[in-house]
């Protein structure tokens, strides 16, 4: 959660609902990690690729400065939020 808050919450929101303070200026809506529909469309491996490489055609950047372990921690956090385990 700490990594998410420091690196992701400006766009994705502190509540991980896609309503961060920077979300209004993005090309496309920031993902709402609390949404069951979002959770149904993703896999941990897909999320690892997005965090590692960014998402082409959107404002989602790559995060090469995060270690693989930190990326997996962030992914575990956002998946837990979508399951209501926050």
N, C-alpha and C. Protein backbone atom coordinates (compact mmCIF):
# COMPACT_ATOMS: atom_id res chain seq x y z
N UNK A 1 0.83 -1.20 0.00
CA UNK A 1 0.00 0.00 0.00
C UNK A 1 0.87 1.26 0.00
N UNK A 2 1.97 1.23 0.73
CA UNK A 2 2.84 2.41 0.79
C UNK A 2 3.38 2.79 -0.59
N UNK A 3 3.79 1.79 -1.36
CA UNK A 3 4.29 2.07 -2.71
C UNK A 3 3.17 2.62 -3.57
N UNK A 4 1.99 2.03 -3.48
CA UNK A 4 0.84 2.51 -4.24
C UNK A 4 0.56 3.98 -3.92
N UNK A 5 0.51 4.30 -2.64
CA UNK A 5 0.21 5.68 -2.25
C UNK A 5 1.27 6.64 -2.77
N UNK A 6 2.54 6.25 -2.69
CA UNK A 6 3.60 7.18 -3.11
C UNK A 6 3.77 7.27 -4.62
N UNK A 7 3.48 6.22 -5.35
CA UNK A 7 3.74 6.20 -6.80
C UNK A 7 2.48 6.27 -7.67
N UNK A 8 1.37 5.78 -7.19
CA UNK A 8 0.20 5.56 -8.05
C UNK A 8 -1.02 6.42 -7.71
N UNK A 9 -1.11 6.86 -6.47
CA UNK A 9 -2.35 7.49 -6.02
C UNK A 9 -2.63 8.85 -6.65
N UNK A 10 -1.62 9.54 -7.16
CA UNK A 10 -1.91 10.83 -7.81
C UNK A 10 -2.88 10.66 -8.97
N UNK A 11 -2.76 9.57 -9.69
CA UNK A 11 -3.68 9.32 -10.80
C UNK A 11 -4.82 8.37 -10.40
N UNK A 12 -4.49 7.30 -9.69
CA UNK A 12 -5.48 6.27 -9.37
C UNK A 12 -6.26 6.56 -8.09
N UNK A 13 -5.85 7.56 -7.33
CA UNK A 13 -6.56 7.93 -6.12
C UNK A 13 -6.11 7.15 -4.89
N UNK A 14 -6.16 7.79 -3.75
CA UNK A 14 -5.77 7.15 -2.49
C UNK A 14 -6.65 5.93 -2.23
N UNK A 15 -7.90 5.99 -2.66
CA UNK A 15 -8.83 4.87 -2.47
C UNK A 15 -8.76 3.86 -3.63
N UNK A 16 -7.83 4.09 -4.57
CA UNK A 16 -7.62 3.21 -5.73
C UNK A 16 -8.85 3.16 -6.64
N UNK A 17 -9.64 4.22 -6.64
CA UNK A 17 -10.89 4.25 -7.40
C UNK A 17 -10.79 5.01 -8.73
N UNK A 18 -9.58 5.38 -9.13
CA UNK A 18 -9.39 6.09 -10.40
C UNK A 18 -9.63 7.58 -10.33
N UNK A 19 -9.79 8.12 -9.13
CA UNK A 19 -10.11 9.54 -8.97
C UNK A 19 -9.01 10.32 -8.27
N UNK A 20 -7.77 10.12 -8.70
CA UNK A 20 -6.66 10.86 -8.12
C UNK A 20 -6.67 12.31 -8.56
N UNK A 21 -5.87 13.14 -7.89
CA UNK A 21 -5.86 14.58 -8.20
C UNK A 21 -5.39 14.86 -9.63
N UNK A 22 -4.60 13.99 -10.21
CA UNK A 22 -4.14 14.18 -11.59
C UNK A 22 -5.02 13.45 -12.62
N UNK A 23 -6.04 12.77 -12.19
CA UNK A 23 -6.83 11.94 -13.11
C UNK A 23 -7.55 12.74 -14.18
N UNK A 24 -7.88 13.98 -13.91
CA UNK A 24 -8.63 14.79 -14.88
C UNK A 24 -7.83 15.10 -16.13
N UNK A 25 -6.50 15.21 -16.05
CA UNK A 25 -5.69 15.57 -17.21
C UNK A 25 -5.12 14.39 -17.96
N UNK A 26 -5.57 13.21 -17.69
CA UNK A 26 -5.01 12.02 -18.33
C UNK A 26 -5.65 11.75 -19.68
N UNK A 27 -4.90 11.06 -20.53
CA UNK A 27 -5.50 10.59 -21.79
C UNK A 27 -6.18 9.27 -21.48
N UNK A 28 -7.46 9.34 -21.21
CA UNK A 28 -8.21 8.17 -20.78
C UNK A 28 -8.37 8.18 -19.27
N UNK A 29 -9.30 7.43 -18.79
CA UNK A 29 -9.60 7.36 -17.36
C UNK A 29 -8.62 6.43 -16.67
N UNK A 30 -8.14 6.85 -15.51
CA UNK A 30 -7.29 5.98 -14.70
C UNK A 30 -8.11 4.78 -14.25
N UNK A 31 -7.48 3.63 -14.20
CA UNK A 31 -8.19 2.40 -13.80
C UNK A 31 -8.75 2.54 -12.39
N UNK A 32 -9.96 2.05 -12.23
CA UNK A 32 -10.62 1.97 -10.92
C UNK A 32 -10.38 0.55 -10.40
N UNK A 33 -9.41 0.42 -9.51
CA UNK A 33 -9.03 -0.90 -9.01
C UNK A 33 -10.05 -1.49 -8.05
N UNK A 34 -11.05 -0.71 -7.67
CA UNK A 34 -12.10 -1.24 -6.78
C UNK A 34 -13.22 -1.91 -7.57
N UNK A 35 -13.19 -1.80 -8.87
CA UNK A 35 -14.26 -2.30 -9.72
C UNK A 35 -14.15 -3.80 -9.97
N UNK A 36 -15.22 -4.54 -9.68
CA UNK A 36 -15.21 -5.97 -10.02
C UNK A 36 -15.07 -6.21 -11.53
N UNK A 37 -15.58 -5.31 -12.35
CA UNK A 37 -15.43 -5.44 -13.80
C UNK A 37 -13.97 -5.33 -14.20
N UNK A 38 -13.23 -4.39 -13.60
CA UNK A 38 -11.80 -4.27 -13.87
C UNK A 38 -11.10 -5.56 -13.47
N UNK A 39 -11.41 -6.07 -12.28
CA UNK A 39 -10.74 -7.27 -11.78
C UNK A 39 -10.99 -8.47 -12.69
N UNK A 40 -12.17 -8.55 -13.26
CA UNK A 40 -12.51 -9.68 -14.12
C UNK A 40 -11.72 -9.67 -15.43
N UNK A 41 -11.18 -8.50 -15.81
CA UNK A 41 -10.47 -8.37 -17.09
C UNK A 41 -8.96 -8.50 -16.98
N UNK A 42 -8.40 -8.61 -15.79
CA UNK A 42 -6.94 -8.57 -15.66
C UNK A 42 -6.40 -9.84 -15.00
N UNK A 43 -5.13 -10.08 -15.27
CA UNK A 43 -4.39 -11.15 -14.58
C UNK A 43 -3.18 -10.52 -13.93
N UNK A 44 -2.59 -11.16 -12.93
CA UNK A 44 -1.38 -10.61 -12.33
C UNK A 44 -0.26 -10.42 -13.37
N UNK A 45 -0.13 -11.34 -14.29
CA UNK A 45 0.92 -11.25 -15.31
C UNK A 45 0.70 -10.04 -16.23
N UNK A 46 -0.55 -9.80 -16.61
CA UNK A 46 -0.88 -8.63 -17.43
C UNK A 46 -0.51 -7.35 -16.68
N UNK A 47 -0.87 -7.29 -15.41
CA UNK A 47 -0.56 -6.09 -14.62
C UNK A 47 0.94 -5.89 -14.48
N UNK A 48 1.69 -6.97 -14.33
CA UNK A 48 3.15 -6.85 -14.23
C UNK A 48 3.70 -6.23 -15.51
N UNK A 49 3.19 -6.67 -16.65
CA UNK A 49 3.65 -6.10 -17.93
C UNK A 49 3.30 -4.62 -18.01
N UNK A 50 2.10 -4.24 -17.59
CA UNK A 50 1.70 -2.83 -17.64
C UNK A 50 2.57 -1.98 -16.73
N UNK A 51 2.82 -2.44 -15.51
CA UNK A 51 3.67 -1.68 -14.58
C UNK A 51 5.10 -1.60 -15.12
N UNK A 52 5.56 -2.65 -15.75
CA UNK A 52 6.94 -2.69 -16.26
C UNK A 52 7.12 -1.88 -17.54
N UNK A 53 6.13 -1.94 -18.45
CA UNK A 53 6.28 -1.35 -19.78
C UNK A 53 5.40 -0.13 -20.02
N UNK A 54 4.44 0.13 -19.15
CA UNK A 54 3.46 1.18 -19.39
C UNK A 54 2.37 0.66 -20.30
N UNK A 55 1.38 1.50 -20.57
CA UNK A 55 0.27 1.08 -21.44
C UNK A 55 0.19 2.05 -22.61
N UNK A 56 0.55 1.56 -23.76
CA UNK A 56 0.59 2.36 -24.99
C UNK A 56 -0.76 3.01 -25.26
N UNK A 57 -0.72 4.28 -25.65
CA UNK A 57 -1.94 5.00 -25.98
C UNK A 57 -2.66 5.59 -24.78
N UNK A 58 -2.05 5.45 -23.59
CA UNK A 58 -2.64 6.00 -22.37
C UNK A 58 -1.58 6.80 -21.62
N UNK A 59 -1.97 7.37 -20.51
CA UNK A 59 -1.03 8.11 -19.66
C UNK A 59 -0.28 7.20 -18.69
N UNK A 60 -0.55 5.90 -18.71
CA UNK A 60 0.11 4.98 -17.79
C UNK A 60 1.56 4.78 -18.19
N UNK A 61 2.49 5.27 -17.32
CA UNK A 61 3.91 5.13 -17.65
C UNK A 61 4.47 3.79 -17.19
N UNK A 62 5.63 3.47 -17.71
CA UNK A 62 6.39 2.33 -17.20
C UNK A 62 7.04 2.76 -15.88
N UNK A 63 7.29 1.80 -15.02
CA UNK A 63 7.95 2.07 -13.74
C UNK A 63 9.24 1.26 -13.63
N UNK A 64 10.26 1.61 -14.44
CA UNK A 64 11.51 0.85 -14.41
C UNK A 64 12.29 1.02 -13.11
N UNK A 65 11.96 2.04 -12.33
CA UNK A 65 12.67 2.27 -11.07
C UNK A 65 12.20 1.36 -9.95
N UNK A 66 11.05 0.70 -10.14
CA UNK A 66 10.57 -0.24 -9.12
C UNK A 66 11.23 -1.59 -9.35
N UNK A 67 11.64 -2.23 -8.28
CA UNK A 67 12.16 -3.60 -8.39
C UNK A 67 11.01 -4.54 -8.75
N UNK A 68 11.34 -5.72 -9.23
CA UNK A 68 10.29 -6.69 -9.52
C UNK A 68 9.47 -6.99 -8.27
N UNK A 69 10.14 -7.10 -7.13
CA UNK A 69 9.43 -7.38 -5.87
C UNK A 69 8.45 -6.25 -5.53
N UNK A 70 8.86 -5.00 -5.74
CA UNK A 70 7.97 -3.87 -5.48
C UNK A 70 6.78 -3.86 -6.45
N UNK A 71 7.04 -4.21 -7.71
CA UNK A 71 5.95 -4.29 -8.68
C UNK A 71 4.92 -5.33 -8.25
N UNK A 72 5.40 -6.50 -7.82
CA UNK A 72 4.47 -7.55 -7.38
C UNK A 72 3.71 -7.12 -6.12
N UNK A 73 4.38 -6.35 -5.24
CA UNK A 73 3.69 -5.86 -4.05
C UNK A 73 2.55 -4.91 -4.42
N UNK A 74 2.81 -4.01 -5.37
CA UNK A 74 1.77 -3.08 -5.83
C UNK A 74 0.63 -3.86 -6.48
N UNK A 75 0.96 -4.83 -7.28
CA UNK A 75 -0.06 -5.64 -7.95
C UNK A 75 -0.90 -6.38 -6.92
N UNK A 76 -0.26 -6.97 -5.92
CA UNK A 76 -1.00 -7.67 -4.87
C UNK A 76 -1.94 -6.70 -4.15
N UNK A 77 -1.47 -5.48 -3.93
CA UNK A 77 -2.32 -4.49 -3.26
C UNK A 77 -3.55 -4.15 -4.10
N UNK A 78 -3.35 -3.83 -5.39
CA UNK A 78 -4.51 -3.42 -6.20
C UNK A 78 -5.47 -4.59 -6.40
N UNK A 79 -4.97 -5.80 -6.47
CA UNK A 79 -5.86 -6.95 -6.58
C UNK A 79 -6.64 -7.16 -5.28
N UNK A 80 -6.02 -6.89 -4.16
CA UNK A 80 -6.73 -7.04 -2.88
C UNK A 80 -7.81 -5.98 -2.73
N UNK A 81 -7.56 -4.78 -3.25
CA UNK A 81 -8.56 -3.71 -3.18
C UNK A 81 -9.79 -4.09 -3.99
N UNK A 82 -9.57 -4.70 -5.14
CA UNK A 82 -10.70 -5.08 -5.99
C UNK A 82 -11.53 -6.19 -5.36
N UNK A 83 -10.93 -6.93 -4.44
CA UNK A 83 -11.65 -8.00 -3.77
C UNK A 83 -12.26 -7.54 -2.45
N UNK A 84 -12.05 -6.26 -2.12
CA UNK A 84 -12.61 -5.71 -0.90
C UNK A 84 -11.81 -6.05 0.35
N UNK A 85 -10.54 -6.39 0.18
CA UNK A 85 -9.70 -6.78 1.32
C UNK A 85 -8.81 -5.65 1.83
N UNK A 86 -9.10 -4.40 1.48
CA UNK A 86 -8.21 -3.30 1.85
C UNK A 86 -8.03 -3.17 3.31
